N, C-alpha and C. Protein backbone atom coordinates (compact mmCIF):
# COMPACT_ATOMS: atom_id res chain seq x y z
N UNK A 1 -71.40 -32.71 6.66
CA UNK A 1 -71.06 -34.11 6.54
C UNK A 1 -70.99 -34.80 7.89
N UNK A 2 -70.81 -34.04 8.95
CA UNK A 2 -70.71 -34.65 10.27
C UNK A 2 -72.07 -35.04 10.84
N UNK A 3 -73.14 -34.45 10.31
CA UNK A 3 -74.45 -34.67 10.90
C UNK A 3 -75.34 -35.63 10.12
N UNK A 4 -75.02 -35.89 8.88
CA UNK A 4 -75.86 -36.76 8.05
C UNK A 4 -75.02 -37.90 7.50
N UNK A 5 -75.62 -39.05 7.33
CA UNK A 5 -74.89 -40.14 6.70
C UNK A 5 -74.56 -39.77 5.26
N UNK A 6 -73.38 -40.13 4.80
CA UNK A 6 -72.98 -39.75 3.44
C UNK A 6 -73.89 -40.38 2.40
N UNK A 7 -74.61 -41.42 2.75
CA UNK A 7 -75.55 -42.03 1.80
C UNK A 7 -76.77 -41.15 1.57
N UNK A 8 -76.93 -40.11 2.35
CA UNK A 8 -78.07 -39.19 2.21
C UNK A 8 -77.67 -37.86 1.59
N UNK A 9 -76.41 -37.67 1.25
CA UNK A 9 -75.93 -36.40 0.68
C UNK A 9 -75.80 -36.51 -0.83
N UNK A 10 -76.16 -35.42 -1.53
CA UNK A 10 -76.05 -35.41 -2.99
C UNK A 10 -75.51 -34.06 -3.45
N UNK A 11 -74.76 -34.09 -4.51
CA UNK A 11 -74.24 -32.87 -5.11
C UNK A 11 -75.27 -32.26 -6.06
N UNK A 12 -75.36 -30.96 -6.01
CA UNK A 12 -76.14 -30.21 -6.99
C UNK A 12 -75.45 -28.89 -7.22
N UNK A 13 -75.29 -28.51 -8.46
CA UNK A 13 -74.62 -27.25 -8.75
C UNK A 13 -75.59 -26.07 -8.63
N UNK A 14 -76.88 -26.33 -8.73
CA UNK A 14 -77.89 -25.28 -8.77
C UNK A 14 -77.62 -24.28 -9.89
N UNK A 15 -76.85 -24.69 -10.85
CA UNK A 15 -76.54 -23.82 -11.99
C UNK A 15 -77.71 -23.81 -12.95
N UNK A 16 -77.92 -22.66 -13.56
CA UNK A 16 -78.94 -22.56 -14.59
C UNK A 16 -78.64 -21.33 -15.44
N UNK A 17 -79.17 -21.34 -16.59
CA UNK A 17 -79.06 -20.24 -17.54
C UNK A 17 -77.68 -20.11 -18.21
N UNK A 18 -76.61 -20.23 -17.47
CA UNK A 18 -75.28 -20.08 -18.06
C UNK A 18 -74.52 -21.39 -17.96
N UNK A 19 -74.09 -21.92 -19.10
CA UNK A 19 -73.40 -23.21 -19.09
C UNK A 19 -72.12 -23.17 -18.28
N UNK A 20 -71.48 -22.03 -18.19
CA UNK A 20 -70.25 -21.91 -17.42
C UNK A 20 -70.48 -22.24 -15.95
N UNK A 21 -71.68 -21.96 -15.46
CA UNK A 21 -71.97 -22.22 -14.05
C UNK A 21 -71.99 -23.71 -13.73
N UNK A 22 -72.38 -24.54 -14.69
CA UNK A 22 -72.33 -25.99 -14.47
C UNK A 22 -70.89 -26.43 -14.26
N UNK A 23 -70.01 -25.93 -15.11
CA UNK A 23 -68.59 -26.29 -15.01
C UNK A 23 -68.01 -25.79 -13.69
N UNK A 24 -68.22 -24.52 -13.39
CA UNK A 24 -67.65 -23.95 -12.17
C UNK A 24 -68.24 -24.60 -10.92
N UNK A 25 -69.54 -24.85 -10.93
CA UNK A 25 -70.17 -25.50 -9.79
C UNK A 25 -69.58 -26.88 -9.53
N UNK A 26 -69.40 -27.65 -10.58
CA UNK A 26 -68.83 -28.99 -10.43
C UNK A 26 -67.38 -28.91 -9.97
N UNK A 27 -66.63 -27.99 -10.54
CA UNK A 27 -65.22 -27.84 -10.17
C UNK A 27 -65.06 -27.43 -8.71
N UNK A 28 -65.82 -26.42 -8.29
CA UNK A 28 -65.74 -25.95 -6.91
C UNK A 28 -66.25 -26.99 -5.92
N UNK A 29 -67.30 -27.70 -6.30
CA UNK A 29 -67.84 -28.72 -5.41
C UNK A 29 -66.84 -29.86 -5.21
N UNK A 30 -66.19 -30.29 -6.27
CA UNK A 30 -65.18 -31.35 -6.14
C UNK A 30 -64.04 -30.91 -5.24
N UNK A 31 -63.62 -29.66 -5.38
CA UNK A 31 -62.54 -29.13 -4.54
C UNK A 31 -62.98 -29.09 -3.08
N UNK A 32 -64.17 -28.54 -2.82
CA UNK A 32 -64.66 -28.44 -1.44
C UNK A 32 -64.87 -29.82 -0.82
N UNK A 33 -65.46 -30.73 -1.59
CA UNK A 33 -65.69 -32.09 -1.09
C UNK A 33 -64.36 -32.78 -0.83
N UNK A 34 -63.41 -32.61 -1.73
CA UNK A 34 -62.08 -33.20 -1.54
C UNK A 34 -61.41 -32.69 -0.28
N UNK A 35 -61.50 -31.39 -0.04
CA UNK A 35 -60.92 -30.82 1.18
C UNK A 35 -61.59 -31.38 2.43
N UNK A 36 -62.91 -31.47 2.41
CA UNK A 36 -63.65 -31.99 3.57
C UNK A 36 -63.33 -33.46 3.81
N UNK A 37 -63.27 -34.24 2.76
CA UNK A 37 -62.99 -35.67 2.91
C UNK A 37 -61.54 -35.89 3.31
N UNK A 38 -60.63 -35.11 2.77
CA UNK A 38 -59.22 -35.21 3.19
C UNK A 38 -59.10 -34.94 4.69
N UNK A 39 -59.82 -33.93 5.17
CA UNK A 39 -59.81 -33.63 6.59
C UNK A 39 -60.36 -34.77 7.42
N UNK A 40 -61.41 -35.40 6.94
CA UNK A 40 -62.00 -36.53 7.66
C UNK A 40 -61.03 -37.71 7.72
N UNK A 41 -60.29 -37.94 6.64
CA UNK A 41 -59.30 -39.02 6.64
C UNK A 41 -58.15 -38.65 7.57
N UNK A 42 -57.69 -37.42 7.50
CA UNK A 42 -56.59 -36.95 8.36
C UNK A 42 -56.96 -37.07 9.84
N UNK A 43 -58.22 -36.80 10.17
CA UNK A 43 -58.69 -36.88 11.55
C UNK A 43 -59.10 -38.30 11.95
N UNK A 44 -58.91 -39.25 11.06
CA UNK A 44 -59.27 -40.66 11.28
C UNK A 44 -60.76 -40.87 11.45
N UNK A 45 -61.57 -39.97 10.89
CA UNK A 45 -63.02 -40.16 10.90
C UNK A 45 -63.45 -41.13 9.81
N UNK A 46 -62.68 -41.17 8.72
CA UNK A 46 -62.94 -42.08 7.60
C UNK A 46 -61.64 -42.75 7.19
N UNK A 47 -61.75 -43.98 6.72
CA UNK A 47 -60.60 -44.62 6.09
C UNK A 47 -60.53 -44.14 4.64
N UNK A 48 -59.44 -44.42 3.97
CA UNK A 48 -59.32 -44.02 2.57
C UNK A 48 -60.42 -44.66 1.73
N UNK A 49 -60.74 -45.91 1.99
CA UNK A 49 -61.81 -46.59 1.26
C UNK A 49 -63.18 -45.99 1.52
N UNK A 50 -63.45 -45.66 2.78
CA UNK A 50 -64.72 -45.02 3.13
C UNK A 50 -64.81 -43.64 2.49
N UNK A 51 -63.70 -42.93 2.44
CA UNK A 51 -63.68 -41.60 1.83
C UNK A 51 -63.99 -41.69 0.34
N UNK A 52 -63.39 -42.65 -0.33
CA UNK A 52 -63.66 -42.83 -1.76
C UNK A 52 -65.12 -43.20 -1.99
N UNK A 53 -65.65 -44.08 -1.17
CA UNK A 53 -67.05 -44.48 -1.29
C UNK A 53 -67.98 -43.29 -1.02
N UNK A 54 -67.67 -42.48 -0.02
CA UNK A 54 -68.49 -41.31 0.30
C UNK A 54 -68.48 -40.32 -0.86
N UNK A 55 -67.32 -40.06 -1.42
CA UNK A 55 -67.22 -39.11 -2.54
C UNK A 55 -68.00 -39.61 -3.74
N UNK A 56 -67.86 -40.88 -4.06
CA UNK A 56 -68.58 -41.45 -5.19
C UNK A 56 -70.09 -41.37 -4.96
N UNK A 57 -70.51 -41.62 -3.73
CA UNK A 57 -71.93 -41.54 -3.41
C UNK A 57 -72.46 -40.12 -3.54
N UNK A 58 -71.76 -39.17 -2.94
CA UNK A 58 -72.21 -37.78 -2.95
C UNK A 58 -72.25 -37.21 -4.36
N UNK A 59 -71.26 -37.54 -5.16
CA UNK A 59 -71.17 -36.97 -6.51
C UNK A 59 -72.02 -37.71 -7.54
N UNK A 60 -72.42 -38.96 -7.26
CA UNK A 60 -73.11 -39.72 -8.31
C UNK A 60 -74.09 -40.77 -7.79
N UNK A 61 -73.60 -41.71 -7.01
CA UNK A 61 -74.38 -42.91 -6.68
C UNK A 61 -75.67 -42.62 -5.91
N UNK A 62 -75.64 -41.69 -4.98
CA UNK A 62 -76.84 -41.43 -4.16
C UNK A 62 -77.98 -40.90 -5.02
N UNK A 63 -77.68 -39.98 -5.92
CA UNK A 63 -78.72 -39.46 -6.82
C UNK A 63 -79.21 -40.55 -7.76
N UNK A 64 -78.30 -41.32 -8.29
CA UNK A 64 -78.67 -42.41 -9.20
C UNK A 64 -79.61 -43.38 -8.49
N UNK A 65 -79.24 -43.77 -7.27
CA UNK A 65 -80.07 -44.71 -6.51
C UNK A 65 -81.45 -44.11 -6.22
N UNK A 66 -81.50 -42.85 -5.80
CA UNK A 66 -82.77 -42.20 -5.49
C UNK A 66 -83.68 -42.14 -6.71
N UNK A 67 -83.16 -41.68 -7.82
CA UNK A 67 -84.00 -41.51 -9.00
C UNK A 67 -84.38 -42.83 -9.65
N UNK A 68 -83.54 -43.83 -9.54
CA UNK A 68 -83.92 -45.15 -10.05
C UNK A 68 -85.00 -45.77 -9.18
N UNK A 69 -84.93 -45.58 -7.87
CA UNK A 69 -85.94 -46.11 -6.97
C UNK A 69 -87.29 -45.44 -7.20
N UNK A 70 -87.29 -44.15 -7.52
CA UNK A 70 -88.54 -43.44 -7.75
C UNK A 70 -89.27 -43.96 -8.99
N UNK A 71 -88.55 -44.45 -9.96
CA UNK A 71 -89.17 -44.98 -11.18
C UNK A 71 -89.94 -46.26 -10.94
N UNK A 72 -89.52 -47.02 -9.94
CA UNK A 72 -90.11 -48.35 -9.73
C UNK A 72 -91.17 -48.32 -8.71
């Protein structure tokens, strides 16, 4: 997260074959992302608003924007 703009990061579970892996991948990713973003806020690298925007982008908005742009 320190080297790339958060608008370029996307979540992927890389899960396949077992439905449990989708759940675990999402759960672990949210935990890891939350820890990383909490650290960034604690270190004053991000404000609380920027952290929320980054998390929303990484978990949803960036992929949505990319795939919608590819359609047009």
